[in-house]
Amino acid sequence: MRVNIEPSWKEKLAPEFSQMYFADMSAFVRSEYLSKTVYPKPGNVFRAFSLCPFDQVKVVVLGQDPYHGAGQANGLCFAVDDGMRIPPSLQNIFKEIESDIGSATRVGNLETWAKQGVLLLNATLTVRAQSPGSHQGRGWERFTDAAVQALSDEKEHLVFLLWGNYARQKGARIDREKHRVLEAPHPSPFSAHTGFLGCKHFSKVNEYLIEKGKQPIVW
């Protein structure tokens, strides 16, 4: 697997690239792309980092797996490629934005968020078609944990959005003295009505960013 990652992130994550787990994971992912249908496209595996360099990160959204349906995954968590139907979880995210701040762009690729400093990071960066979780436990989680840890340790006044139990667990080591951590149930139809809808995370993010002298996000 070719590691085509944005330079600032490449520097921050350099120790990971020399680890045996990363070599093993790369070999596995490469073989999967050669023998099976895997999402996202190879050029989009590290897209979350490419669109949101380390120094520009203001908000972090933690997801789990890329979408495993044809044409959906684009390298940003919860996002889908242009022309794809908006998935239910993202529909609920847009619904909450509209309820919270009165407007939402409703553009499914979420590229505009990423370019404003929202790191849309899945825990696992690849998945086999129609096989959710198929690339879990192969090393991606360790790699993305390192990214979250670098942000927590080296930056100040970030906002971490942890939606659902998996994201909460992944964000357990975030320094909550330095950063704002907002938690809610996952926005999927199975749990959105248990606290995600009505969480007002999007206005809370912007209030915090303004308080810290940063530009708010145009959601």
Protein backbone atom coordinates (compact mmCIF):
# COMPACT_ATOMS: atom_id res chain seq x y z
CA MET A 1 0.00 0.00 0.00
CA ARG A 2 1.42 3.36 -1.03
CA VAL A 3 1.32 5.85 1.85
CA ASN A 4 0.33 9.07 0.10
CA ILE A 5 -0.34 11.25 3.12
CA GLU A 6 -0.26 15.01 3.60
CA PRO A 7 3.24 16.24 4.66
CA SER A 8 2.38 17.64 8.10
CA TRP A 9 0.60 14.42 9.03
CA LYS A 10 3.42 12.35 7.56
CA GLU A 11 5.80 14.11 9.94
CA LYS A 12 3.54 13.66 12.98
CA LEU A 13 2.86 10.00 12.24
CA ALA A 14 6.37 9.09 11.05
CA PRO A 15 7.02 6.68 13.96
CA GLU A 16 4.06 4.55 12.89
CA PHE A 17 5.34 3.94 9.37
CA SER A 18 8.40 2.09 10.63
CA GLN A 19 6.44 -0.24 12.92
CA MET A 20 5.95 -3.90 12.04
CA TYR A 21 2.18 -3.62 12.48
CA PHE A 22 2.06 -0.98 9.75
CA ALA A 23 4.07 -3.12 7.35
CA ASP A 24 1.77 -6.09 8.03
CA MET A 25 -1.32 -3.96 7.61
CA SER A 26 -0.03 -2.46 4.37
CA ALA A 27 0.62 -5.91 2.94
CA PHE A 28 -2.87 -7.05 3.89
CA VAL A 29 -4.57 -3.97 2.44
CA ARG A 30 -2.53 -4.20 -0.76
CA SER A 31 -3.53 -7.84 -1.24
CA GLU A 32 -7.19 -6.97 -0.59
CA TYR A 33 -7.18 -4.26 -3.26
CA LEU A 34 -5.57 -6.67 -5.73
CA SER A 35 -7.92 -9.58 -5.10
CA LYS A 36 -11.23 -8.06 -3.94
CA THR A 37 -13.37 -4.94 -4.22
CA VAL A 38 -12.28 -2.54 -1.48
CA TYR A 39 -13.46 0.96 -0.55
CA PRO A 40 -12.63 3.79 -0.74
CA LYS A 41 -10.58 4.17 -3.91
CA PRO A 42 -6.85 3.81 -3.12
CA GLY A 43 -6.24 7.51 -3.70
CA ASN A 44 -8.83 8.40 -1.05
CA VAL A 45 -7.59 6.19 1.80
CA PHE A 46 -5.78 9.10 3.48
CA ARG A 47 -8.12 11.81 2.18
CA ALA A 48 -9.22 12.96 5.65
CA PHE A 49 -5.60 13.93 6.34
CA SER A 50 -5.08 15.46 2.89
CA LEU A 51 -8.00 17.86 3.19
CA CYS A 52 -7.29 18.78 6.81
CA PRO A 53 -3.56 19.23 7.57
CA PHE A 54 -2.44 18.86 11.17
CA ASP A 55 -1.95 22.59 11.79
CA GLN A 56 -5.42 23.39 10.46
CA VAL A 57 -7.43 20.94 12.59
CA LYS A 58 -10.03 22.63 14.80
CA VAL A 59 -12.68 19.91 15.15
CA VAL A 60 -12.39 16.12 15.10
CA VAL A 61 -15.26 13.77 14.25
CA LEU A 62 -14.51 10.10 14.90
CA GLY A 63 -16.25 7.44 12.83
CA GLN A 64 -15.76 3.69 12.62
CA ASP A 65 -15.70 2.06 9.16
CA PRO A 66 -15.94 3.47 5.64
CA TYR A 67 -19.24 2.77 3.90
CA HIS A 68 -19.14 -0.65 2.26
CA GLY A 69 -21.62 0.01 -0.55
CA ALA A 70 -20.60 0.76 -4.13
CA GLY A 71 -19.61 4.38 -4.74
CA GLN A 72 -20.30 5.62 -1.22
CA ALA A 73 -17.01 5.86 0.69
CA ASN A 74 -14.80 8.83 -0.14
CA GLY A 75 -12.26 8.83 2.70
CA LEU A 76 -14.19 11.11 5.07
CA CYS A 77 -16.27 9.63 7.87
CA PHE A 78 -20.06 9.92 7.41
CA ALA A 79 -19.52 11.47 3.93
CA VAL A 80 -20.47 10.05 0.54
CA ASP A 81 -19.34 10.77 -3.00
CA ASP A 82 -21.25 13.29 -5.08
CA GLY A 83 -24.34 11.83 -6.69
CA MET A 84 -24.91 9.26 -3.96
CA ARG A 85 -28.05 9.16 -1.85
CA ILE A 86 -27.48 10.68 1.60
CA PRO A 87 -27.22 7.79 4.12
CA PRO A 88 -29.53 7.78 7.15
CA SER A 89 -26.84 8.77 9.67
CA LEU A 90 -25.82 11.76 7.59
CA GLN A 91 -29.47 12.69 7.10
CA ASN A 92 -29.80 12.82 10.89
CA ILE A 93 -26.63 14.92 11.15
CA PHE A 94 -28.09 17.43 8.69
CA LYS A 95 -31.42 17.33 10.55
CA GLU A 96 -29.68 18.20 13.82
CA ILE A 97 -27.70 21.02 12.20
CA GLU A 98 -30.90 22.55 10.84
CA SER A 99 -32.62 22.22 14.21
CA ASP A 100 -29.60 23.59 16.06
CA ILE A 101 -28.43 26.51 13.93
CA GLY A 102 -31.15 26.84 11.31
CA SER A 103 -29.28 25.79 8.19
CA ALA A 104 -27.20 23.01 6.70
CA THR A 105 -25.38 22.75 3.39
CA ARG A 106 -26.68 19.18 2.80
CA VAL A 107 -23.77 18.41 0.49
CA GLY A 108 -22.95 14.78 1.18
CA ASN A 109 -19.24 14.81 0.36
CA LEU A 110 -18.53 17.05 3.41
CA GLU A 111 -15.43 18.42 1.70
CA THR A 112 -16.31 21.98 2.74
CA TRP A 113 -16.20 20.92 6.40
CA ALA A 114 -12.80 19.26 6.00
CA LYS A 115 -11.33 22.33 4.33
CA GLN A 116 -12.45 24.45 7.29
CA GLY A 117 -10.53 22.32 9.78
CA VAL A 118 -12.91 19.45 10.55
CA LEU A 119 -10.97 16.17 10.57
CA LEU A 120 -13.48 13.49 9.54
CA LEU A 121 -11.57 10.42 10.66
CA ASN A 122 -12.71 6.82 10.54
CA ALA A 123 -11.00 4.39 12.89
CA THR A 124 -10.54 1.95 10.01
CA LEU A 125 -9.61 3.51 6.69
CA THR A 126 -10.52 0.66 4.32
CA VAL A 127 -13.25 -1.99 4.04
CA ARG A 128 -14.14 -4.89 1.74
CA ALA A 129 -17.26 -4.35 -0.36
CA GLN A 130 -20.48 -5.47 1.33
CA SER A 131 -18.51 -6.69 4.35
CA PRO A 132 -18.67 -4.21 7.25
CA GLY A 133 -15.82 -4.54 9.74
CA SER A 134 -13.78 -6.69 7.36
CA HIS A 135 -10.62 -4.61 7.84
CA GLN A 136 -10.96 -4.11 11.57
CA GLY A 137 -8.25 -5.50 13.83
CA ARG A 138 -5.58 -5.31 11.12
CA GLY A 139 -3.76 -2.23 12.40
CA TRP A 140 -5.78 0.74 11.23
CA GLU A 141 -7.12 1.37 14.72
CA ARG A 142 -3.59 1.68 16.12
CA PHE A 143 -2.67 4.10 13.34
CA THR A 144 -5.70 6.33 13.83
CA ASP A 145 -5.26 6.17 17.62
CA ALA A 146 -1.80 7.65 17.04
CA ALA A 147 -3.34 10.47 15.01
CA VAL A 148 -5.86 11.26 17.77
CA GLN A 149 -3.12 11.11 20.41
CA ALA A 150 -0.91 13.51 18.44
CA LEU A 151 -3.77 15.98 18.22
CA SER A 152 -4.55 15.67 21.90
CA ASP A 153 -0.92 16.02 22.99
CA GLU A 154 0.37 18.67 20.60
CA LYS A 155 -2.58 21.00 19.99
CA GLU A 156 -4.85 23.05 22.24
CA HIS A 157 -8.53 23.98 22.22
CA LEU A 158 -9.78 21.40 19.75
CA VAL A 159 -13.34 20.09 19.81
CA PHE A 160 -13.77 16.33 19.64
CA LEU A 161 -17.20 15.00 18.65
CA LEU A 162 -17.69 11.48 19.97
CA TRP A 163 -20.93 10.00 18.68
CA GLY A 164 -21.72 6.51 19.92
CA ASN A 165 -19.93 4.06 22.20
CA TYR A 166 -17.21 3.19 19.72
CA ALA A 167 -16.18 6.83 19.31
CA ARG A 168 -16.31 7.37 23.07
CA GLN A 169 -13.93 4.47 23.61
CA LYS A 170 -11.58 5.71 20.91
CA GLY A 171 -11.54 9.16 22.47
CA ALA A 172 -11.03 7.97 26.03
CA ARG A 173 -7.43 9.24 26.22
CA ILE A 174 -8.08 12.75 24.91
CA ASP A 175 -6.81 15.42 27.30
CA ARG A 176 -10.03 17.03 28.48
CA GLU A 177 -8.19 19.79 30.29
CA LYS A 178 -6.89 21.14 26.97
CA HIS A 179 -9.79 20.30 24.66
CA ARG A 180 -13.59 20.32 24.54
CA VAL A 181 -15.10 16.85 24.22
CA LEU A 182 -18.77 16.54 23.26
CA GLU A 183 -20.47 13.14 23.47
CA ALA A 184 -23.81 11.91 22.16
CA PRO A 185 -25.41 8.71 20.87
CA HIS A 186 -24.60 7.71 17.31
CA PRO A 187 -26.66 9.52 14.62
CA SER A 188 -27.86 6.26 13.07
CA PRO A 189 -31.64 5.68 12.94
CA PHE A 190 -31.24 3.10 15.71
CA SER A 191 -29.97 5.60 18.27
CA ALA A 192 -30.38 9.17 17.00
CA HIS A 193 -33.61 9.66 18.95
CA THR A 194 -31.95 8.66 22.23
CA GLY A 195 -29.94 11.88 22.45
CA PHE A 196 -28.16 12.73 19.22
CA LEU A 197 -31.11 14.73 17.92
CA GLY A 198 -31.23 17.72 20.22
CA CYS A 199 -27.58 17.53 21.32
CA LYS A 200 -26.82 20.95 19.79
CA HIS A 201 -23.23 19.98 19.18
CA PHE A 202 -22.85 22.19 16.12
CA SER A 203 -23.68 25.44 17.90
CA LYS A 204 -21.58 24.32 20.88
CA VAL A 205 -18.60 23.73 18.59
CA ASN A 206 -18.86 27.22 17.16
CA GLU A 207 -19.38 28.87 20.54
CA TYR A 208 -16.20 27.21 21.80
CA LEU A 209 -14.18 28.11 18.70
CA ILE A 210 -15.26 31.75 18.92
CA GLU A 211 -14.43 31.78 22.64
CA LYS A 212 -10.92 30.59 21.76
CA GLY A 213 -10.47 33.16 19.01
CA LYS A 214 -10.97 30.75 16.12
CA GLN A 215 -13.16 31.02 13.05
CA PRO A 216 -16.45 29.08 13.48
CA ILE A 217 -17.42 26.30 11.07
CA VAL A 218 -19.95 26.94 8.34
CA TRP A 219 -21.97 23.77 8.71
